[in-house]
Amino acid sequence: MTQETIQVALRETIGKSASKGLRKQGMIPAVIYGLNEPPVAIAISPKTVARIIASDSGMNSLIHLQREGTEIKRHVIIKDVQRDPVTRRLVHVDLMRVDPDHRVRVKVRIVLKGTPAGVKDGGLLDFTHREIEVECLPSFIPAHIDVNVEHLKIGDSLRLDQLNLDSHLTLHGDAHNVVCSVVGKQAEEEAPAAEAAPAAAAAPAPAAKAKK
């Protein structure tokens, strides 16, 4: 798990006008909360946040926040971000405090590796469950969970409880949820055909031409 150390400043004022002033300075408002402590309003660089989100660990990156002018540091992860609906630029960030010695529950994306045998035989891969909720110590949060699917044949599926997870991770949620499956093309093609059949049957027959 990558640990990033960034410096942040306390926000003395809050509100729309204060946030607008921050953005003119190239900063955005953020809030730190969690661990049964009062929330703290800070200012943070959107470029730094965007870089962290774009990293391999993404939102689950473990961050060291250091308050400017002090030696105070806290471990946090990015819990939520808000973006401008038009420009998609970051406008606000929620940061959650984490204790390095206490487990946290996070969602981690699943990355499929390899081409299923069933796809090579003409089937289609249906990727249904793209992330998994796990619990672990902050330092063991994985950037993503790699799943090899080369062995899957047409008609095969892979459930959450069949994933080979690291011993540090505890799975949460319905273990029987299907991560992915391989279906035959014929099954995919038959479904639209079956839906079109009733419509065709309901269409009125062309009127016969009257005899002269």
N, C-alpha and C. Protein backbone atom coordinates (compact mmCIF):
# COMPACT_ATOMS: atom_id res chain seq x y z
N MET A 1 0.84 -1.19 0.00
CA MET A 1 0.00 0.00 0.00
C MET A 1 0.88 1.25 0.00
N THR A 2 0.63 2.10 -0.99
CA THR A 2 1.39 3.34 -1.12
C THR A 2 0.93 4.34 -0.08
N GLN A 3 1.91 5.02 0.57
CA GLN A 3 1.56 6.05 1.55
C GLN A 3 2.07 7.39 1.05
N GLU A 4 1.15 8.32 0.92
CA GLU A 4 1.47 9.65 0.42
C GLU A 4 1.42 10.63 1.58
N THR A 5 2.42 11.50 1.69
CA THR A 5 2.42 12.53 2.72
C THR A 5 2.18 13.88 2.07
N ILE A 6 1.11 14.56 2.48
CA ILE A 6 0.81 15.87 1.92
C ILE A 6 0.52 16.85 3.05
N GLN A 7 0.82 18.11 2.78
CA GLN A 7 0.59 19.14 3.78
C GLN A 7 -0.73 19.85 3.48
N VAL A 8 -1.46 20.14 4.54
CA VAL A 8 -2.75 20.80 4.39
C VAL A 8 -2.84 21.95 5.40
N ALA A 9 -3.73 22.88 5.10
CA ALA A 9 -3.93 24.03 5.99
C ALA A 9 -5.35 24.00 6.54
N LEU A 10 -5.49 24.45 7.78
CA LEU A 10 -6.83 24.55 8.37
C LEU A 10 -7.61 25.66 7.67
N ARG A 11 -8.92 25.45 7.54
CA ARG A 11 -9.79 26.49 6.97
C ARG A 11 -10.34 27.33 8.11
N GLU A 12 -10.06 28.60 8.06
CA GLU A 12 -10.53 29.49 9.13
C GLU A 12 -12.00 29.85 8.94
N THR A 13 -12.44 29.92 7.68
CA THR A 13 -13.83 30.27 7.39
C THR A 13 -14.43 29.21 6.47
N ILE A 14 -15.75 29.06 6.54
CA ILE A 14 -16.44 28.11 5.68
C ILE A 14 -17.59 28.81 4.99
N GLY A 15 -18.17 28.16 4.00
CA GLY A 15 -19.26 28.76 3.25
C GLY A 15 -18.91 28.89 1.78
N LYS A 16 -19.91 29.29 0.98
CA LYS A 16 -19.72 29.37 -0.47
C LYS A 16 -18.66 30.39 -0.86
N SER A 17 -18.71 31.56 -0.23
CA SER A 17 -17.75 32.61 -0.59
C SER A 17 -16.33 32.20 -0.22
N ALA A 18 -16.18 31.53 0.93
CA ALA A 18 -14.85 31.08 1.36
C ALA A 18 -14.34 30.00 0.41
N SER A 19 -15.22 29.10 -0.01
CA SER A 19 -14.83 28.03 -0.94
C SER A 19 -14.43 28.62 -2.29
N LYS A 20 -15.17 29.65 -2.72
CA LYS A 20 -14.84 30.30 -3.98
C LYS A 20 -13.46 30.95 -3.92
N GLY A 21 -13.17 31.56 -2.76
CA GLY A 21 -11.86 32.18 -2.58
C GLY A 21 -10.75 31.14 -2.59
N LEU A 22 -11.01 29.97 -2.00
CA LEU A 22 -10.02 28.89 -2.00
C LEU A 22 -9.69 28.45 -3.41
N ARG A 23 -10.73 28.29 -4.23
CA ARG A 23 -10.52 27.80 -5.59
C ARG A 23 -9.72 28.80 -6.43
N LYS A 24 -9.89 30.09 -6.13
CA LYS A 24 -9.08 31.09 -6.83
C LYS A 24 -7.61 30.94 -6.49
N GLN A 25 -7.33 30.38 -5.29
CA GLN A 25 -5.94 30.15 -4.86
C GLN A 25 -5.42 28.79 -5.31
N GLY A 26 -6.24 28.07 -6.08
CA GLY A 26 -5.82 26.76 -6.55
C GLY A 26 -6.02 25.65 -5.53
N MET A 27 -6.89 25.89 -4.54
CA MET A 27 -7.18 24.89 -3.51
C MET A 27 -8.67 24.60 -3.51
N ILE A 28 -9.06 23.51 -2.83
CA ILE A 28 -10.47 23.19 -2.66
C ILE A 28 -10.73 22.83 -1.20
N PRO A 29 -11.98 22.97 -0.74
CA PRO A 29 -12.28 22.62 0.64
C PRO A 29 -12.35 21.10 0.83
N ALA A 30 -12.01 20.67 2.03
CA ALA A 30 -12.08 19.25 2.39
C ALA A 30 -12.41 19.14 3.87
N VAL A 31 -12.91 17.96 4.25
CA VAL A 31 -13.26 17.71 5.65
C VAL A 31 -12.64 16.38 6.07
N ILE A 32 -12.04 16.37 7.27
CA ILE A 32 -11.50 15.14 7.85
C ILE A 32 -12.44 14.72 8.98
N TYR A 33 -12.84 13.45 9.00
CA TYR A 33 -13.73 12.98 10.06
C TYR A 33 -13.38 11.53 10.41
N GLY A 34 -14.03 11.02 11.44
CA GLY A 34 -13.84 9.62 11.82
C GLY A 34 -13.11 9.43 13.13
N LEU A 35 -13.08 8.17 13.61
CA LEU A 35 -12.42 7.78 14.85
C LEU A 35 -12.99 8.53 16.06
N ASN A 36 -14.28 8.83 16.00
CA ASN A 36 -14.96 9.48 17.12
C ASN A 36 -14.34 10.81 17.52
N GLU A 37 -13.78 11.50 16.53
CA GLU A 37 -13.20 12.83 16.76
C GLU A 37 -14.01 13.86 15.97
N PRO A 38 -14.00 15.11 16.40
CA PRO A 38 -14.74 16.15 15.68
C PRO A 38 -14.20 16.32 14.26
N PRO A 39 -15.06 16.64 13.31
CA PRO A 39 -14.58 16.91 11.95
C PRO A 39 -13.74 18.18 11.90
N VAL A 40 -12.79 18.18 11.00
CA VAL A 40 -11.89 19.32 10.83
C VAL A 40 -11.94 19.78 9.38
N ALA A 41 -12.14 21.09 9.18
CA ALA A 41 -12.18 21.67 7.83
C ALA A 41 -10.78 22.07 7.41
N ILE A 42 -10.37 21.63 6.24
CA ILE A 42 -9.04 21.95 5.73
C ILE A 42 -9.13 22.39 4.27
N ALA A 43 -8.01 22.90 3.77
CA ALA A 43 -7.87 23.21 2.35
C ALA A 43 -6.83 22.27 1.76
N ILE A 44 -7.09 21.77 0.55
CA ILE A 44 -6.19 20.80 -0.05
C ILE A 44 -6.06 21.06 -1.54
N SER A 45 -4.95 20.63 -2.12
CA SER A 45 -4.72 20.85 -3.54
C SER A 45 -5.50 19.84 -4.37
N PRO A 46 -6.35 20.29 -5.29
CA PRO A 46 -7.10 19.34 -6.13
C PRO A 46 -6.19 18.54 -7.05
N LYS A 47 -5.06 19.12 -7.44
CA LYS A 47 -4.12 18.40 -8.30
C LYS A 47 -3.54 17.20 -7.56
N THR A 48 -3.23 17.41 -6.27
CA THR A 48 -2.70 16.31 -5.46
C THR A 48 -3.74 15.21 -5.31
N VAL A 49 -4.98 15.61 -5.02
CA VAL A 49 -6.05 14.63 -4.86
C VAL A 49 -6.28 13.87 -6.16
N ALA A 50 -6.31 14.58 -7.28
CA ALA A 50 -6.53 13.95 -8.58
C ALA A 50 -5.41 12.95 -8.89
N ARG A 51 -4.19 13.30 -8.53
CA ARG A 51 -3.06 12.39 -8.78
C ARG A 51 -3.18 11.12 -7.94
N ILE A 52 -3.63 11.28 -6.69
CA ILE A 52 -3.79 10.12 -5.82
C ILE A 52 -4.89 9.21 -6.34
N ILE A 53 -6.02 9.82 -6.76
CA ILE A 53 -7.13 9.03 -7.29
C ILE A 53 -6.72 8.27 -8.55
N ALA A 54 -5.86 8.90 -9.36
CA ALA A 54 -5.43 8.27 -10.61
C ALA A 54 -4.34 7.22 -10.40
N SER A 55 -3.81 7.11 -9.18
CA SER A 55 -2.77 6.12 -8.92
C SER A 55 -3.35 4.71 -8.89
N ASP A 56 -2.50 3.71 -8.78
CA ASP A 56 -2.94 2.33 -8.78
C ASP A 56 -3.86 2.03 -7.60
N SER A 57 -3.56 2.62 -6.45
CA SER A 57 -4.38 2.39 -5.25
C SER A 57 -5.65 3.22 -5.24
N GLY A 58 -5.67 4.30 -6.00
CA GLY A 58 -6.87 5.12 -6.14
C GLY A 58 -7.39 5.65 -4.81
N MET A 59 -8.71 5.55 -4.64
CA MET A 59 -9.37 6.08 -3.44
C MET A 59 -8.91 5.39 -2.16
N ASN A 60 -8.34 4.19 -2.30
CA ASN A 60 -7.90 3.45 -1.12
C ASN A 60 -6.44 3.73 -0.74
N SER A 61 -5.84 4.73 -1.35
CA SER A 61 -4.47 5.09 -1.00
C SER A 61 -4.41 5.57 0.45
N LEU A 62 -3.44 5.07 1.18
CA LEU A 62 -3.25 5.51 2.57
C LEU A 62 -2.43 6.79 2.55
N ILE A 63 -2.99 7.86 3.12
CA ILE A 63 -2.38 9.18 3.04
C ILE A 63 -1.96 9.66 4.42
N HIS A 64 -0.79 10.29 4.50
CA HIS A 64 -0.35 10.99 5.71
C HIS A 64 -0.66 12.46 5.51
N LEU A 65 -1.56 12.97 6.32
CA LEU A 65 -1.84 14.41 6.27
C LEU A 65 -1.02 15.09 7.34
N GLN A 66 -0.28 16.11 6.94
CA GLN A 66 0.50 16.88 7.91
C GLN A 66 0.00 18.33 7.90
N ARG A 67 -0.36 18.81 9.08
CA ARG A 67 -0.86 20.17 9.18
C ARG A 67 0.30 21.15 9.03
N GLU A 68 0.12 22.14 8.16
CA GLU A 68 1.18 23.11 7.88
C GLU A 68 1.68 23.78 9.16
N GLY A 69 3.00 23.87 9.28
CA GLY A 69 3.61 24.54 10.42
C GLY A 69 3.64 23.72 11.70
N THR A 70 3.23 22.44 11.62
CA THR A 70 3.23 21.58 12.80
C THR A 70 3.81 20.21 12.43
N GLU A 71 3.97 19.37 13.45
CA GLU A 71 4.41 18.00 13.23
C GLU A 71 3.22 17.03 13.32
N ILE A 72 2.02 17.59 13.37
CA ILE A 72 0.81 16.77 13.51
C ILE A 72 0.54 16.03 12.20
N LYS A 73 0.44 14.70 12.27
CA LYS A 73 0.15 13.88 11.10
C LYS A 73 -1.00 12.93 11.42
N ARG A 74 -1.81 12.67 10.43
CA ARG A 74 -2.90 11.72 10.58
C ARG A 74 -2.95 10.81 9.36
N HIS A 75 -3.34 9.56 9.58
CA HIS A 75 -3.56 8.63 8.47
C HIS A 75 -5.00 8.78 8.02
N VAL A 76 -5.21 8.95 6.72
CA VAL A 76 -6.55 9.07 6.17
C VAL A 76 -6.64 8.34 4.84
N ILE A 77 -7.87 8.06 4.43
CA ILE A 77 -8.12 7.60 3.07
C ILE A 77 -9.23 8.49 2.49
N ILE A 78 -9.29 8.58 1.20
CA ILE A 78 -10.32 9.38 0.54
C ILE A 78 -11.63 8.60 0.58
N LYS A 79 -12.62 9.18 1.23
CA LYS A 79 -13.91 8.49 1.36
C LYS A 79 -14.88 8.90 0.27
N ASP A 80 -14.84 10.17 -0.12
CA ASP A 80 -15.78 10.63 -1.16
C ASP A 80 -15.24 11.91 -1.79
N VAL A 81 -15.62 12.13 -3.04
CA VAL A 81 -15.25 13.36 -3.74
C VAL A 81 -16.49 13.93 -4.42
N GLN A 82 -16.51 15.25 -4.56
CA GLN A 82 -17.57 15.91 -5.31
C GLN A 82 -16.94 16.63 -6.49
N ARG A 83 -17.62 16.54 -7.63
CA ARG A 83 -17.11 17.17 -8.85
C ARG A 83 -18.14 18.13 -9.42
N ASP A 84 -17.65 19.11 -10.14
CA ASP A 84 -18.53 20.03 -10.85
C ASP A 84 -19.27 19.24 -11.93
N PRO A 85 -20.60 19.33 -12.00
CA PRO A 85 -21.35 18.53 -12.96
C PRO A 85 -21.04 18.84 -14.42
N VAL A 86 -20.50 20.01 -14.69
CA VAL A 86 -20.19 20.40 -16.07
C VAL A 86 -18.73 20.14 -16.40
N THR A 87 -17.83 20.70 -15.60
CA THR A 87 -16.40 20.59 -15.89
C THR A 87 -15.78 19.30 -15.38
N ARG A 88 -16.45 18.63 -14.42
CA ARG A 88 -15.96 17.41 -13.77
C ARG A 88 -14.72 17.66 -12.92
N ARG A 89 -14.44 18.91 -12.62
CA ARG A 89 -13.32 19.22 -11.74
C ARG A 89 -13.69 18.95 -10.29
N LEU A 90 -12.69 18.59 -9.49
CA LEU A 90 -12.93 18.35 -8.07
C LEU A 90 -13.32 19.65 -7.38
N VAL A 91 -14.35 19.57 -6.52
CA VAL A 91 -14.77 20.77 -5.79
C VAL A 91 -14.79 20.54 -4.28
N HIS A 92 -14.78 19.28 -3.84
CA HIS A 92 -14.80 18.99 -2.41
C HIS A 92 -14.33 17.56 -2.18
N VAL A 93 -13.67 17.34 -1.03
CA VAL A 93 -13.16 16.00 -0.72
C VAL A 93 -13.49 15.65 0.73
N ASP A 94 -13.94 14.43 0.96
CA ASP A 94 -14.15 13.90 2.31
C ASP A 94 -13.03 12.91 2.61
N LEU A 95 -12.34 13.13 3.72
CA LEU A 95 -11.24 12.26 4.12
C LEU A 95 -11.59 11.58 5.45
N MET A 96 -11.38 10.29 5.52
CA MET A 96 -11.71 9.55 6.74
C MET A 96 -10.45 9.14 7.49
N ARG A 97 -10.40 9.48 8.78
CA ARG A 97 -9.28 9.08 9.61
C ARG A 97 -9.26 7.55 9.76
N VAL A 98 -8.07 6.98 9.74
CA VAL A 98 -7.94 5.54 10.00
C VAL A 98 -6.81 5.33 11.00
N ASP A 99 -6.98 4.30 11.81
CA ASP A 99 -5.95 3.92 12.78
C ASP A 99 -5.15 2.77 12.19
N PRO A 100 -3.82 2.92 12.04
CA PRO A 100 -3.01 1.86 11.45
C PRO A 100 -3.15 0.51 12.15
N ASP A 101 -3.58 0.53 13.41
CA ASP A 101 -3.69 -0.71 14.18
C ASP A 101 -5.11 -1.27 14.25
N HIS A 102 -6.05 -0.62 13.54
CA HIS A 102 -7.44 -1.08 13.56
C HIS A 102 -7.92 -1.33 12.12
N ARG A 103 -8.66 -2.40 11.96
CA ARG A 103 -9.15 -2.79 10.64
C ARG A 103 -10.22 -1.83 10.14
N VAL A 104 -10.24 -1.65 8.83
CA VAL A 104 -11.24 -0.81 8.19
C VAL A 104 -11.93 -1.61 7.09
N ARG A 105 -13.13 -1.17 6.73
CA ARG A 105 -13.88 -1.84 5.67
C ARG A 105 -13.89 -0.94 4.44
N VAL A 106 -13.42 -1.47 3.33
CA VAL A 106 -13.32 -0.68 2.09
C VAL A 106 -13.78 -1.51 0.91
N LYS A 107 -14.07 -0.82 -0.20
CA LYS A 107 -14.41 -1.50 -1.45
C LYS A 107 -13.20 -1.47 -2.37
N VAL A 108 -12.89 -2.62 -2.94
CA VAL A 108 -11.72 -2.76 -3.81
C VAL A 108 -12.18 -3.29 -5.17
N ARG A 109 -11.65 -2.71 -6.23
CA ARG A 109 -12.07 -3.14 -7.56
C ARG A 109 -11.45 -4.49 -7.93
N ILE A 110 -12.16 -5.23 -8.76
CA ILE A 110 -11.71 -6.53 -9.24
C ILE A 110 -11.17 -6.37 -10.65
N VAL A 111 -10.02 -6.94 -10.92
CA VAL A 111 -9.41 -6.90 -12.25
C VAL A 111 -9.32 -8.33 -12.79
N LEU A 112 -9.97 -8.60 -13.91
CA LEU A 112 -9.94 -9.93 -14.51
C LEU A 112 -8.67 -10.09 -15.33
N LYS A 113 -8.03 -11.24 -15.17
CA LYS A 113 -6.78 -11.52 -15.87
C LYS A 113 -6.95 -12.72 -16.80
N GLY A 114 -6.48 -12.56 -18.03
CA GLY A 114 -6.51 -13.65 -18.99
C GLY A 114 -7.81 -13.69 -19.79
N THR A 115 -7.79 -14.51 -20.84
CA THR A 115 -8.97 -14.71 -21.68
C THR A 115 -9.58 -16.06 -21.38
N PRO A 116 -10.86 -16.11 -20.97
CA PRO A 116 -11.49 -17.38 -20.64
C PRO A 116 -11.49 -18.36 -21.82
N ALA A 117 -11.36 -19.66 -21.50
CA ALA A 117 -11.39 -20.68 -22.55
C ALA A 117 -12.70 -20.62 -23.30
N GLY A 118 -13.80 -20.31 -22.59
CA GLY A 118 -15.10 -20.23 -23.24
C GLY A 118 -15.21 -19.10 -24.23
N VAL A 119 -14.51 -18.00 -23.98
CA VAL A 119 -14.51 -16.89 -24.92
C VAL A 119 -13.75 -17.28 -26.18
N LYS A 120 -12.67 -18.03 -26.02
CA LYS A 120 -11.92 -18.50 -27.19
C LYS A 120 -12.76 -19.45 -28.04
N ASP A 121 -13.74 -20.11 -27.40
CA ASP A 121 -14.63 -21.02 -28.12
C ASP A 121 -15.87 -20.32 -28.66
N GLY A 122 -15.90 -19.00 -28.56
CA GLY A 122 -17.02 -18.25 -29.12
C GLY A 122 -18.00 -17.71 -28.11
N GLY A 123 -17.76 -17.92 -26.83
CA GLY A 123 -18.66 -17.41 -25.80
C GLY A 123 -18.40 -15.95 -25.48
N LEU A 124 -19.21 -15.42 -24.58
CA LEU A 124 -19.09 -14.02 -24.16
C LEU A 124 -18.88 -13.94 -22.66
N LEU A 125 -17.98 -13.06 -22.24
CA LEU A 125 -17.69 -12.87 -20.81
C LEU A 125 -18.63 -11.82 -20.24
N ASP A 126 -19.37 -12.18 -19.21
CA ASP A 126 -20.28 -11.25 -18.52
C ASP A 126 -19.67 -10.90 -17.17
N PHE A 127 -19.15 -9.66 -17.06
CA PHE A 127 -18.48 -9.18 -15.85
C PHE A 127 -19.53 -8.47 -15.00
N THR A 128 -20.06 -9.16 -13.99
CA THR A 128 -21.21 -8.67 -13.24
C THR A 128 -20.84 -7.88 -12.00
N HIS A 129 -19.91 -8.40 -11.21
CA HIS A 129 -19.56 -7.82 -9.91
C HIS A 129 -18.15 -7.25 -10.01
N ARG A 130 -18.03 -5.93 -10.11
CA ARG A 130 -16.75 -5.31 -10.43
C ARG A 130 -15.96 -4.84 -9.22
N GLU A 131 -16.51 -4.97 -8.03
CA GLU A 131 -15.78 -4.61 -6.83
C GLU A 131 -16.20 -5.51 -5.68
N ILE A 132 -15.37 -5.54 -4.66
CA ILE A 132 -15.60 -6.41 -3.52
C ILE A 132 -15.37 -5.61 -2.24
N GLU A 133 -16.17 -5.88 -1.21
CA GLU A 133 -15.99 -5.19 0.07
C GLU A 133 -15.20 -6.10 1.01
N VAL A 134 -14.09 -5.58 1.51
CA VAL A 134 -13.24 -6.36 2.40
C VAL A 134 -12.91 -5.56 3.64
N GLU A 135 -12.42 -6.27 4.65
CA GLU A 135 -11.98 -5.64 5.89
C GLU A 135 -10.54 -6.05 6.14
N CYS A 136 -9.71 -5.09 6.52
CA CYS A 136 -8.30 -5.37 6.77
C CYS A 136 -7.66 -4.16 7.46
N LEU A 137 -6.41 -4.31 7.87
CA LEU A 137 -5.66 -3.17 8.39
C LEU A 137 -5.38 -2.20 7.25
N PRO A 138 -5.32 -0.89 7.53
CA PRO A 138 -5.11 0.08 6.47
C PRO A 138 -3.88 -0.21 5.60
N SER A 139 -2.81 -0.70 6.21
CA SER A 139 -1.59 -0.95 5.44
C SER A 139 -1.71 -2.14 4.50
N PHE A 140 -2.79 -2.94 4.64
CA PHE A 140 -2.97 -4.11 3.78
C PHE A 140 -4.07 -3.92 2.75
N ILE A 141 -4.60 -2.70 2.63
CA ILE A 141 -5.63 -2.47 1.62
C ILE A 141 -5.02 -2.65 0.23
N PRO A 142 -5.52 -3.59 -0.56
CA PRO A 142 -4.93 -3.80 -1.89
C PRO A 142 -5.38 -2.74 -2.89
N ALA A 143 -4.54 -2.46 -3.85
CA ALA A 143 -4.92 -1.51 -4.90
C ALA A 143 -6.06 -2.09 -5.72
N HIS A 144 -6.02 -3.39 -5.97
CA HIS A 144 -7.08 -4.10 -6.68
C HIS A 144 -6.89 -5.58 -6.42
N ILE A 145 -7.88 -6.37 -6.76
CA ILE A 145 -7.81 -7.81 -6.58
C ILE A 145 -7.81 -8.46 -7.96
N ASP A 146 -6.72 -9.13 -8.30
CA ASP A 146 -6.58 -9.79 -9.60
C ASP A 146 -7.24 -11.16 -9.56
N VAL A 147 -8.03 -11.46 -10.57
CA VAL A 147 -8.73 -12.74 -10.66
C VAL A 147 -8.44 -13.37 -12.01
N ASN A 148 -7.83 -14.55 -11.99
CA ASN A 148 -7.54 -15.28 -13.23
C ASN A 148 -8.81 -15.99 -13.71
N VAL A 149 -9.20 -15.73 -14.95
CA VAL A 149 -10.43 -16.32 -15.49
C VAL A 149 -10.17 -17.20 -16.70
N GLU A 150 -8.91 -17.54 -16.95
CA GLU A 150 -8.57 -18.32 -18.14
C GLU A 150 -9.23 -19.70 -18.15
N HIS A 151 -9.53 -20.26 -16.97
CA HIS A 151 -10.07 -21.61 -16.89
C HIS A 151 -11.57 -21.67 -17.13
N LEU A 152 -12.25 -20.54 -17.18
CA LEU A 152 -13.71 -20.54 -17.30
C LEU A 152 -14.15 -20.97 -18.70
N LYS A 153 -15.04 -21.96 -18.75
CA LYS A 153 -15.60 -22.44 -20.01
C LYS A 153 -17.02 -21.89 -20.18
N ILE A 154 -17.62 -22.13 -21.33
CA ILE A 154 -18.99 -21.69 -21.56
C ILE A 154 -19.90 -22.36 -20.54
N GLY A 155 -20.68 -21.55 -19.85
CA GLY A 155 -21.57 -22.07 -18.81
C GLY A 155 -20.98 -21.98 -17.42
N ASP A 156 -19.67 -21.67 -17.30
CA ASP A 156 -19.03 -21.54 -15.99
C ASP A 156 -19.23 -20.14 -15.42
N SER A 157 -19.21 -20.05 -14.10
CA SER A 157 -19.30 -18.76 -13.41
C SER A 157 -18.35 -18.78 -12.22
N LEU A 158 -18.04 -17.60 -11.73
CA LEU A 158 -17.13 -17.46 -10.60
C LEU A 158 -17.80 -16.61 -9.53
N ARG A 159 -17.92 -17.15 -8.31
CA ARG A 159 -18.56 -16.45 -7.21
C ARG A 159 -17.51 -15.77 -6.32
N LEU A 160 -17.99 -14.85 -5.47
CA LEU A 160 -17.09 -14.14 -4.57
C LEU A 160 -16.37 -15.10 -3.62
N ASP A 161 -17.09 -16.13 -3.15
CA ASP A 161 -16.46 -17.05 -2.20
C ASP A 161 -15.45 -17.98 -2.86
N GLN A 162 -15.32 -17.91 -4.18
CA GLN A 162 -14.34 -18.72 -4.89
C GLN A 162 -13.06 -17.93 -5.20
N LEU A 163 -13.03 -16.67 -4.80
CA LEU A 163 -11.83 -15.86 -5.04
C LEU A 163 -10.73 -16.27 -4.07
N ASN A 164 -9.52 -16.24 -4.56
CA ASN A 164 -8.36 -16.58 -3.73
C ASN A 164 -7.84 -15.30 -3.08
N LEU A 165 -8.43 -14.95 -1.94
CA LEU A 165 -8.07 -13.70 -1.27
C LEU A 165 -6.87 -13.87 -0.35
N ASP A 166 -6.15 -12.78 -0.16
CA ASP A 166 -5.03 -12.76 0.78
C ASP A 166 -5.55 -13.05 2.19
N SER A 167 -4.72 -13.69 3.00
CA SER A 167 -5.15 -14.05 4.36
C SER A 167 -5.45 -12.84 5.23
N HIS A 168 -4.94 -11.66 4.84
CA HIS A 168 -5.18 -10.45 5.62
C HIS A 168 -6.57 -9.87 5.36
N LEU A 169 -7.26 -10.37 4.33
CA LEU A 169 -8.53 -9.79 3.92
C LEU A 169 -9.71 -10.64 4.39
N THR A 170 -10.74 -9.98 4.89
CA THR A 170 -11.98 -10.65 5.27
C THR A 170 -13.09 -10.17 4.35
N LEU A 171 -13.76 -11.10 3.68
CA LEU A 171 -14.81 -10.76 2.74
C LEU A 171 -16.09 -10.34 3.46
N HIS A 172 -16.76 -9.30 2.93
CA HIS A 172 -18.05 -8.87 3.44
C HIS A 172 -19.06 -8.88 2.30
N GLY A 173 -20.32 -9.06 2.64
CA GLY A 173 -21.35 -9.10 1.61
C GLY A 173 -21.74 -10.54 1.30
N ASP A 174 -22.60 -10.71 0.31
CA ASP A 174 -23.09 -12.02 -0.09
C ASP A 174 -22.01 -12.78 -0.84
N ALA A 175 -21.49 -13.84 -0.21
CA ALA A 175 -20.39 -14.60 -0.80
C ALA A 175 -20.81 -15.34 -2.07
N HIS A 176 -22.13 -15.48 -2.29
CA HIS A 176 -22.60 -16.23 -3.47
C HIS A 176 -22.86 -15.32 -4.67
N ASN A 177 -22.58 -14.03 -4.52
CA ASN A 177 -22.71 -13.15 -5.68
C ASN A 177 -21.75 -13.57 -6.78
N VAL A 178 -22.22 -13.55 -8.01
CA VAL A 178 -21.39 -13.97 -9.15
C VAL A 178 -20.52 -12.80 -9.60
N VAL A 179 -19.22 -13.06 -9.68
CA VAL A 179 -18.28 -12.04 -10.16
C VAL A 179 -18.37 -11.94 -11.68
N CYS A 180 -18.28 -13.07 -12.35
CA CYS A 180 -18.35 -13.10 -13.80
C CYS A 180 -18.78 -14.48 -14.27
N SER A 181 -19.22 -14.56 -15.51
CA SER A 181 -19.62 -15.84 -16.08
C SER A 181 -19.37 -15.80 -17.58
N VAL A 182 -19.33 -16.98 -18.19
CA VAL A 182 -19.14 -17.08 -19.63
C VAL A 182 -20.40 -17.71 -20.22
N VAL A 183 -21.04 -16.98 -21.11
CA VAL A 183 -22.26 -17.46 -21.74
C VAL A 183 -22.02 -17.68 -23.23
N GLY A 184 -22.81 -18.58 -23.81
CA GLY A 184 -22.66 -18.86 -25.23
C GLY A 184 -23.31 -17.78 -26.07
N LYS A 185 -22.79 -17.55 -27.25
CA LYS A 185 -23.36 -16.54 -28.14
C LYS A 185 -24.78 -16.90 -28.53
N GLN A 186 -25.04 -18.20 -28.66
CA GLN A 186 -26.36 -18.64 -29.07
C GLN A 186 -27.41 -18.18 -28.07
N ALA A 187 -27.08 -18.29 -26.77
CA ALA A 187 -28.01 -17.86 -25.74
C ALA A 187 -28.26 -16.37 -25.81
N GLU A 188 -27.21 -15.59 -26.16
CA GLU A 188 -27.36 -14.15 -26.28
C GLU A 188 -28.23 -13.79 -27.46
N GLU A 189 -28.10 -14.56 -28.56
CA GLU A 189 -28.83 -14.25 -29.79
C GLU A 189 -30.27 -14.71 -29.71
N GLU A 190 -30.53 -15.78 -28.95
CA GLU A 190 -31.88 -16.32 -28.86
C GLU A 190 -32.81 -15.39 -28.08
N ALA A 191 -32.27 -14.67 -27.07
CA ALA A 191 -33.09 -13.79 -26.25
C ALA A 191 -33.74 -12.67 -27.07
N PRO A 192 -32.96 -11.91 -27.89
CA PRO A 192 -33.61 -10.88 -28.71
C PRO A 192 -34.58 -11.48 -29.71
N ALA A 193 -34.26 -12.68 -30.25
CA ALA A 193 -35.12 -13.31 -31.24
C ALA A 193 -36.45 -13.69 -30.61
N ALA A 194 -36.41 -14.17 -29.37
CA ALA A 194 -37.62 -14.57 -28.66
C ALA A 194 -38.50 -13.35 -28.37
N GLU A 195 -37.86 -12.21 -28.09
CA GLU A 195 -38.62 -11.00 -27.83
C GLU A 195 -39.26 -10.46 -29.09
N ALA A 196 -38.59 -10.66 -30.23
CA ALA A 196 -39.11 -10.14 -31.50
C ALA A 196 -40.24 -11.00 -32.04
N ALA A 197 -40.27 -12.30 -31.67
CA ALA A 197 -41.27 -13.23 -32.21
C ALA A 197 -42.70 -12.80 -31.89
N PRO A 198 -43.05 -12.48 -30.62
CA PRO A 198 -44.42 -12.06 -30.32
C PRO A 198 -44.82 -10.81 -31.08
N ALA A 199 -43.87 -9.89 -31.25
CA ALA A 199 -44.17 -8.65 -31.97
C ALA A 199 -44.52 -8.95 -33.41
N ALA A 200 -43.78 -9.91 -34.00
CA ALA A 200 -44.04 -10.27 -35.38
C ALA A 200 -45.39 -10.94 -35.52
N ALA A 201 -45.74 -11.78 -34.53
CA ALA A 201 -47.01 -12.49 -34.58
C ALA A 201 -48.18 -11.53 -34.42
N ALA A 202 -47.98 -10.45 -33.68
CA ALA A 202 -49.05 -9.50 -33.42
C ALA A 202 -49.28 -8.55 -34.59
N ALA A 203 -48.31 -8.44 -35.49
CA ALA A 203 -48.45 -7.51 -36.60
C ALA A 203 -49.55 -7.96 -37.53
N PRO A 204 -50.42 -7.08 -37.96
CA PRO A 204 -51.54 -7.46 -38.85
C PRO A 204 -51.03 -7.89 -40.22
N ALA A 205 -51.70 -8.89 -40.80
CA ALA A 205 -51.32 -9.37 -42.13
C ALA A 205 -51.71 -8.34 -43.16
N PRO A 206 -50.94 -8.23 -44.24
CA PRO A 206 -51.28 -7.25 -45.29
C PRO A 206 -52.62 -7.57 -45.91
N ALA A 207 -53.41 -6.54 -46.16
CA ALA A 207 -54.75 -6.73 -46.72
C ALA A 207 -54.67 -7.25 -48.14
N ALA A 208 -55.56 -8.19 -48.49
CA ALA A 208 -55.58 -8.77 -49.84
C ALA A 208 -56.10 -7.73 -50.82
N LYS A 209 -55.57 -7.72 -52.02
CA LYS A 209 -56.03 -6.76 -53.02
C LYS A 209 -57.41 -7.16 -53.53
N ALA A 210 -58.27 -6.18 -53.66
CA ALA A 210 -59.62 -6.45 -54.16
C ALA A 210 -59.59 -6.81 -55.64
N LYS A 211 -60.44 -7.80 -56.01
CA LYS A 211 -60.51 -8.19 -57.41
C LYS A 211 -61.28 -7.14 -58.22
N LYS A 212 -60.79 -6.88 -59.38
CA LYS A 212 -61.48 -5.94 -60.24
C LYS A 212 -62.67 -6.60 -60.90
